[in-house]
Amino acid sequence: MSILRSATDPAWIAAALSDLDATLGDHAHCEKKAAASALRLVGDHPGRPRLVRALARLAQEELKHFLDVLNELQRRGGMLPPDGGDPYVQALLRLVGSGATRLVDQLLVFALVEARSLERMLLLGGRLPDERLRELYRRLAQSEAGHEALFVELAVEAGGEAARARLAGLADAEARIVAALPLGPRMH
């Protein structure tokens, strides 16, 4: 069961498909940043062996996803565009507290990002015209589901049951953020 409080506007799929190369380029950047974020958490929390190992594996998987999406983009004749940033993730990261709650908030924000990515990958996987791309997105969606669960699990380990209450508040905020953003050929 998803931790999201809202569904993606059905018009998003048309926007994503309207410039598939732009969507793929944005998605590649999302995978790259997911790997970098996981490694940043590893560097910030070396004294948490379970977190370090789990996030190192996740970073490795995200980097493979980056290469998979990049390969598909190049197969289509496209190139990786400049990274235009991700207003969705930037807005979510502004919700991260400081001090003792910082790690839990970061993990929960990443869980929400993975959940939204999962939802949109499933939408794309069901509508892409190319069977090869449909299969890629189905496979990536399976990984995202595991990542969502891992981040929630790590947050609860770090913050106890209070993390679940915090997740509810962050999920409500995430729904408001998604509703306020314009739809375009990007993953978030």
Protein backbone atom coordinates (compact mmCIF):
# COMPACT_ATOMS: atom_id res chain seq x y z
CA MET A 1 0.00 0.00 0.00
CA SER A 2 1.39 3.35 -1.05
CA ILE A 3 2.27 6.03 1.47
CA LEU A 4 1.02 8.71 -0.95
CA ARG A 5 -2.07 10.73 -0.06
CA SER A 6 -2.96 11.65 -3.64
CA ALA A 7 -2.87 10.22 -7.11
CA THR A 8 -1.07 11.84 -10.00
CA ASP A 9 -3.31 13.95 -12.22
CA PRO A 10 -4.19 11.71 -15.19
CA ALA A 11 -3.13 14.56 -17.51
CA TRP A 12 0.49 13.98 -16.40
CA ILE A 13 0.87 10.92 -18.62
CA ALA A 14 0.00 12.94 -21.74
CA ALA A 15 2.51 15.61 -20.69
CA ALA A 16 5.20 12.99 -20.08
CA LEU A 17 4.58 11.28 -23.40
CA SER A 18 4.38 14.59 -25.33
CA ASP A 19 8.18 14.89 -25.09
CA LEU A 20 9.40 11.47 -24.11
CA ASP A 21 13.06 12.37 -24.58
CA ALA A 22 12.69 15.23 -22.08
CA THR A 23 10.95 12.86 -19.65
CA LEU A 24 13.72 10.29 -20.06
CA GLY A 25 16.39 12.96 -19.55
CA ASP A 26 14.70 14.22 -16.41
CA HIS A 27 14.30 10.66 -15.18
CA ALA A 28 18.00 9.96 -15.72
CA HIS A 29 18.84 12.99 -13.59
CA CYS A 30 16.43 11.77 -10.88
CA GLU A 31 18.22 8.41 -10.73
CA LYS A 32 21.63 10.11 -10.58
CA LYS A 33 20.50 12.37 -7.73
CA ALA A 34 18.93 9.45 -5.85
CA ALA A 35 22.30 7.67 -5.89
CA ALA A 36 24.09 10.83 -4.76
CA SER A 37 21.58 11.46 -1.95
CA ALA A 38 21.95 7.91 -0.65
CA LEU A 39 25.74 8.25 -0.62
CA ARG A 40 25.48 11.61 1.14
CA LEU A 41 23.47 9.96 3.92
CA VAL A 42 26.10 7.21 4.13
CA GLY A 43 28.78 9.88 4.56
CA ASP A 44 26.74 11.75 7.17
CA HIS A 45 25.97 8.64 9.26
CA PRO A 46 28.98 6.28 9.18
CA GLY A 47 28.18 5.04 12.70
CA ARG A 48 24.95 3.38 11.55
CA PRO A 49 26.16 0.15 9.90
CA ARG A 50 22.74 -1.08 8.75
CA LEU A 51 21.91 2.27 7.18
CA VAL A 52 25.35 2.48 5.53
CA ARG A 53 25.10 -0.97 3.93
CA ALA A 54 21.47 -0.58 2.86
CA LEU A 55 21.99 2.84 1.32
CA ALA A 56 25.25 1.85 -0.36
CA ARG A 57 23.38 -0.98 -2.09
CA LEU A 58 20.54 1.38 -2.97
CA ALA A 59 23.00 3.91 -4.45
CA GLN A 60 24.51 1.16 -6.58
CA GLU A 61 21.07 0.17 -7.84
CA GLU A 62 20.09 3.79 -8.56
CA LEU A 63 23.29 4.32 -10.54
CA LYS A 64 22.43 1.24 -12.62
CA HIS A 65 18.99 2.73 -13.23
CA PHE A 66 20.64 5.99 -14.32
CA LEU A 67 22.68 4.04 -16.89
CA ASP A 68 19.63 2.06 -18.04
CA VAL A 69 17.60 5.22 -18.66
CA LEU A 70 20.57 6.99 -20.23
CA ASN A 71 21.07 4.04 -22.60
CA GLU A 72 17.42 4.19 -23.67
CA LEU A 73 17.63 7.93 -24.22
CA GLN A 74 20.74 7.48 -26.37
CA ARG A 75 19.17 4.54 -28.21
CA ARG A 76 16.43 6.95 -29.25
CA GLY A 77 19.06 9.39 -30.53
CA GLY A 78 18.79 11.73 -27.55
CA MET A 79 21.43 13.08 -25.22
CA LEU A 80 21.37 13.79 -21.51
CA PRO A 81 20.12 17.36 -21.20
CA PRO A 82 21.38 19.82 -18.60
CA ASP A 83 19.90 19.19 -15.17
CA GLY A 84 17.17 21.76 -14.70
CA GLY A 85 16.61 20.88 -11.05
CA ASP A 86 13.60 19.25 -9.46
CA PRO A 87 11.14 21.70 -7.86
CA TYR A 88 9.21 18.78 -6.34
CA VAL A 89 12.18 17.36 -4.44
CA GLN A 90 13.41 20.85 -3.56
CA ALA A 91 10.03 21.66 -1.98
CA LEU A 92 10.03 18.39 -0.04
CA LEU A 93 13.56 18.95 1.24
CA ARG A 94 12.48 22.33 2.66
CA LEU A 95 10.27 20.33 5.05
CA VAL A 96 13.26 18.52 6.58
CA GLY A 97 13.84 19.56 10.19
CA SER A 98 17.14 20.01 11.93
CA GLY A 99 18.78 18.36 14.88
CA ALA A 100 17.47 15.05 16.15
CA THR A 101 14.66 14.83 13.57
CA ARG A 102 16.79 15.57 10.52
CA LEU A 103 17.73 11.98 9.60
CA VAL A 104 14.17 10.69 10.05
CA ASP A 105 12.78 13.53 7.93
CA GLN A 106 15.35 12.93 5.19
CA LEU A 107 14.55 9.23 5.07
CA LEU A 108 10.81 9.90 4.96
CA VAL A 109 11.17 12.51 2.22
CA PHE A 110 13.15 10.01 0.16
CA ALA A 111 10.44 7.40 0.81
CA LEU A 112 7.84 9.81 -0.58
CA VAL A 113 9.98 10.58 -3.63
CA GLU A 114 10.36 6.85 -4.31
CA ALA A 115 6.61 6.33 -3.86
CA ARG A 116 5.76 9.09 -6.33
CA SER A 117 8.37 7.77 -8.76
CA LEU A 118 6.87 4.28 -8.45
CA GLU A 119 3.40 5.58 -9.21
CA ARG A 120 4.58 7.47 -12.28
CA MET A 121 6.75 4.64 -13.56
CA LEU A 122 3.72 2.36 -13.43
CA LEU A 123 1.71 4.95 -15.36
CA LEU A 124 4.44 5.24 -17.99
CA GLY A 125 4.97 1.50 -18.12
CA GLY A 126 1.32 1.04 -19.01
CA ARG A 127 1.27 3.65 -21.78
CA LEU A 128 4.65 3.72 -23.50
CA PRO A 129 4.44 2.80 -27.20
CA ASP A 130 7.72 0.85 -27.20
CA GLU A 131 7.60 -2.61 -25.57
CA ARG A 132 11.27 -2.33 -24.62
CA LEU A 133 10.59 0.90 -22.68
CA ARG A 134 7.41 -0.53 -21.13
CA GLU A 135 9.43 -3.45 -19.78
CA LEU A 136 12.16 -1.13 -18.49
CA TYR A 137 9.62 0.95 -16.58
CA ARG A 138 7.92 -2.10 -15.13
CA ARG A 139 11.29 -3.35 -13.87
CA LEU A 140 12.26 0.05 -12.47
CA ALA A 141 8.89 0.30 -10.71
CA GLN A 142 9.57 -2.93 -8.83
CA SER A 143 12.81 -1.46 -7.50
CA GLU A 144 11.12 1.77 -6.48
CA ALA A 145 8.61 -0.17 -4.37
CA GLY A 146 11.48 -1.77 -2.49
CA HIS A 147 13.20 1.58 -2.05
CA GLU A 148 10.06 3.20 -0.64
CA ALA A 149 9.72 0.42 1.94
CA LEU A 150 13.43 0.54 2.81
CA PHE A 151 13.37 4.27 3.53
CA VAL A 152 10.31 3.94 5.77
CA GLU A 153 11.90 1.00 7.59
CA LEU A 154 15.15 2.93 8.15
CA ALA A 155 13.20 5.97 9.37
CA VAL A 156 11.31 3.87 11.92
CA GLU A 157 14.59 2.27 13.06
CA ALA A 158 16.10 5.74 13.53
CA GLY A 159 13.08 7.48 15.04
CA GLY A 160 10.79 4.84 16.49
CA GLU A 161 7.04 4.94 16.03
CA ALA A 162 7.11 8.75 16.01
CA ALA A 163 8.48 8.40 12.48
CA ARG A 164 5.14 6.99 11.31
CA ALA A 165 3.28 10.03 12.64
CA ARG A 166 5.82 12.31 10.96
CA LEU A 167 5.33 10.38 7.71
CA ALA A 168 1.61 11.17 7.79
CA GLY A 169 2.30 14.90 8.02
CA LEU A 170 4.95 14.82 5.31
CA ALA A 171 2.66 12.78 3.04
CA ASP A 172 -0.07 15.42 3.40
CA ALA A 173 2.46 18.12 2.51
CA GLU A 174 3.71 16.07 -0.46
CA ALA A 175 0.15 15.87 -1.84
CA ARG A 176 -0.14 19.67 -1.65
CA ILE A 177 3.24 20.10 -3.37
CA VAL A 178 2.29 17.76 -6.23
CA ALA A 179 -1.06 19.52 -6.72
CA ALA A 180 0.62 22.93 -6.95
CA LEU A 181 3.26 21.97 -9.54
CA PRO A 182 2.63 22.32 -13.27
CA LEU A 183 2.47 19.14 -15.31
CA GLY A 184 5.28 18.64 -17.77
CA PRO A 185 7.59 16.08 -19.36
CA ARG A 186 9.38 15.25 -16.10
CA MET A 187 9.12 12.51 -13.52
CA HIS A 188 7.96 14.74 -10.66
